[in-house]
Amino acid sequence: MLTVTDRAVAAVKSVREDDTQGLRISVASGGCSGLKYSLVLENDAEHGDEIMEFDGIKVYVDPSSVMWLTGTVVDFVNAGPDSGFIFENPNAGGKCSCSGGSC
């Protein structure tokens, strides 16, 4: 369904407060590619979430976001002030990188 690269996993591990925190990824309309991505650290899944694990990081996706994230690759680019998570999403009309609060 969704792929989170090793670089993205390392970025999440570097900012989480403890080993129980996972990453919630959700999608809403209205971002730079027609989709707006949200990344939030959370301790627990919610009812109905799709739960995946990447190198010890649990990823939670709510039911309404699953269809928009199918086939998506989440990566992290370390490029100084332009560092951030990048979503390569075959379901989106354009590209979006979430750095500097752009998404």
Protein backbone atom coordinates (compact mmCIF):
# COMPACT_ATOMS: atom_id res chain seq x y z
CA MET A 1 0.00 0.00 0.00
CA LEU A 2 2.53 2.60 1.21
CA THR A 3 6.32 2.61 1.37
CA VAL A 4 8.37 4.60 3.88
CA THR A 5 12.06 4.76 2.96
CA ASP A 6 14.91 4.15 5.37
CA ARG A 7 15.75 7.88 5.30
CA ALA A 8 12.17 8.79 6.27
CA VAL A 9 12.19 6.20 9.07
CA ALA A 10 15.48 7.62 10.38
CA ALA A 11 14.01 11.14 10.33
CA VAL A 12 10.98 10.00 12.34
CA LYS A 13 13.19 8.15 14.84
CA SER A 14 15.28 11.29 15.32
CA VAL A 15 12.28 13.40 16.42
CA ARG A 16 10.03 11.00 18.30
CA GLU A 17 9.94 11.33 22.04
CA ASP A 18 9.92 7.62 22.92
CA ASP A 19 9.87 4.19 21.34
CA THR A 20 6.08 3.91 21.54
CA GLN A 21 5.42 6.75 19.14
CA GLY A 22 4.36 5.93 15.64
CA LEU A 23 3.62 8.10 12.65
CA ARG A 24 0.11 8.99 11.48
CA ILE A 25 -0.07 9.88 7.80
CA SER A 26 -3.30 11.36 6.51
CA VAL A 27 -4.49 13.06 3.35
CA ALA A 28 -6.96 15.86 2.70
CA SER A 29 -7.73 17.76 -0.48
CA GLY A 30 -6.29 21.19 -1.12
CA GLY A 31 -2.50 20.84 -1.13
CA CYS A 32 -0.01 21.81 -3.83
CA SER A 33 -0.72 18.58 -5.73
CA GLY A 34 -4.45 18.60 -5.01
CA LEU A 35 -3.65 16.61 -1.85
CA LYS A 36 -2.52 17.88 1.53
CA TYR A 37 -0.45 15.51 3.65
CA SER A 38 -0.35 15.49 7.42
CA LEU A 39 2.34 13.80 9.52
CA VAL A 40 1.77 13.50 13.27
CA LEU A 41 3.54 11.46 15.94
CA GLU A 42 1.02 9.34 17.87
CA ASN A 43 1.21 6.56 20.41
CA ASP A 44 -1.81 4.51 19.37
CA ALA A 45 -3.87 3.61 16.36
CA GLU A 46 -7.47 4.72 16.07
CA HIS A 47 -10.40 2.45 15.24
CA GLY A 48 -10.25 1.38 11.59
CA ASP A 49 -6.66 2.50 10.96
CA GLU A 50 -4.45 0.59 8.56
CA ILE A 51 -1.29 -0.21 10.55
CA MET A 52 2.07 -0.87 8.93
CA GLU A 53 5.56 -1.12 10.39
CA PHE A 54 8.86 0.02 8.91
CA ASP A 55 12.03 -0.78 10.87
CA GLY A 56 10.31 -0.46 14.22
CA ILE A 57 8.19 2.59 13.33
CA LYS A 58 4.46 1.96 13.26
CA VAL A 59 2.59 3.93 10.62
CA TYR A 60 -1.12 4.62 11.04
CA VAL A 61 -3.36 5.52 8.11
CA ASP A 62 -7.02 6.39 8.60
CA PRO A 63 -9.59 4.65 6.36
CA SER A 64 -10.36 7.75 4.27
CA SER A 65 -6.67 8.27 3.42
CA VAL A 66 -5.87 4.68 2.40
CA MET A 67 -7.08 5.03 -1.19
CA TRP A 68 -5.05 8.23 -1.70
CA LEU A 69 -1.83 6.71 -0.33
CA THR A 70 -1.87 3.43 -2.26
CA GLY A 71 1.44 3.16 -4.11
CA THR A 72 2.91 6.23 -2.41
CA VAL A 73 6.57 6.38 -1.40
CA VAL A 74 7.38 8.64 1.56
CA ASP A 75 11.01 9.76 1.59
CA PHE A 76 13.05 12.33 3.48
CA VAL A 77 15.50 14.69 1.79
CA ASN A 78 18.19 16.35 3.87
CA ALA A 79 18.98 19.53 1.96
CA GLY A 80 19.61 22.18 4.61
CA PRO A 81 16.73 24.66 4.77
CA ASP A 82 14.84 22.68 2.12
CA SER A 83 14.92 19.43 4.12
CA GLY A 84 11.66 17.59 4.52
CA PHE A 85 9.43 14.69 3.69
CA ILE A 86 8.63 14.06 0.04
CA PHE A 87 5.60 12.16 -1.17
CA GLU A 88 5.89 10.35 -4.51
CA ASN A 89 2.22 9.64 -5.05
CA PRO A 90 0.92 8.14 -8.30
CA ASN A 91 -2.59 9.28 -7.29
CA ALA A 92 -1.67 12.99 -7.12
CA GLY A 93 -1.75 15.42 -10.02
CA GLY A 94 1.59 17.04 -9.12
CA LYS A 95 4.49 16.74 -6.72
CA CYS A 96 4.68 17.99 -3.19
CA SER A 97 7.47 18.21 -0.66
CA CYS A 98 6.55 19.04 2.88
CA SER A 99 9.30 21.32 4.03
CA GLY A 100 8.92 24.75 5.50
CA GLY A 101 5.26 24.08 6.24
CA SER A 102 4.29 23.98 2.56
CA CYS A 103 1.94 21.02 2.98
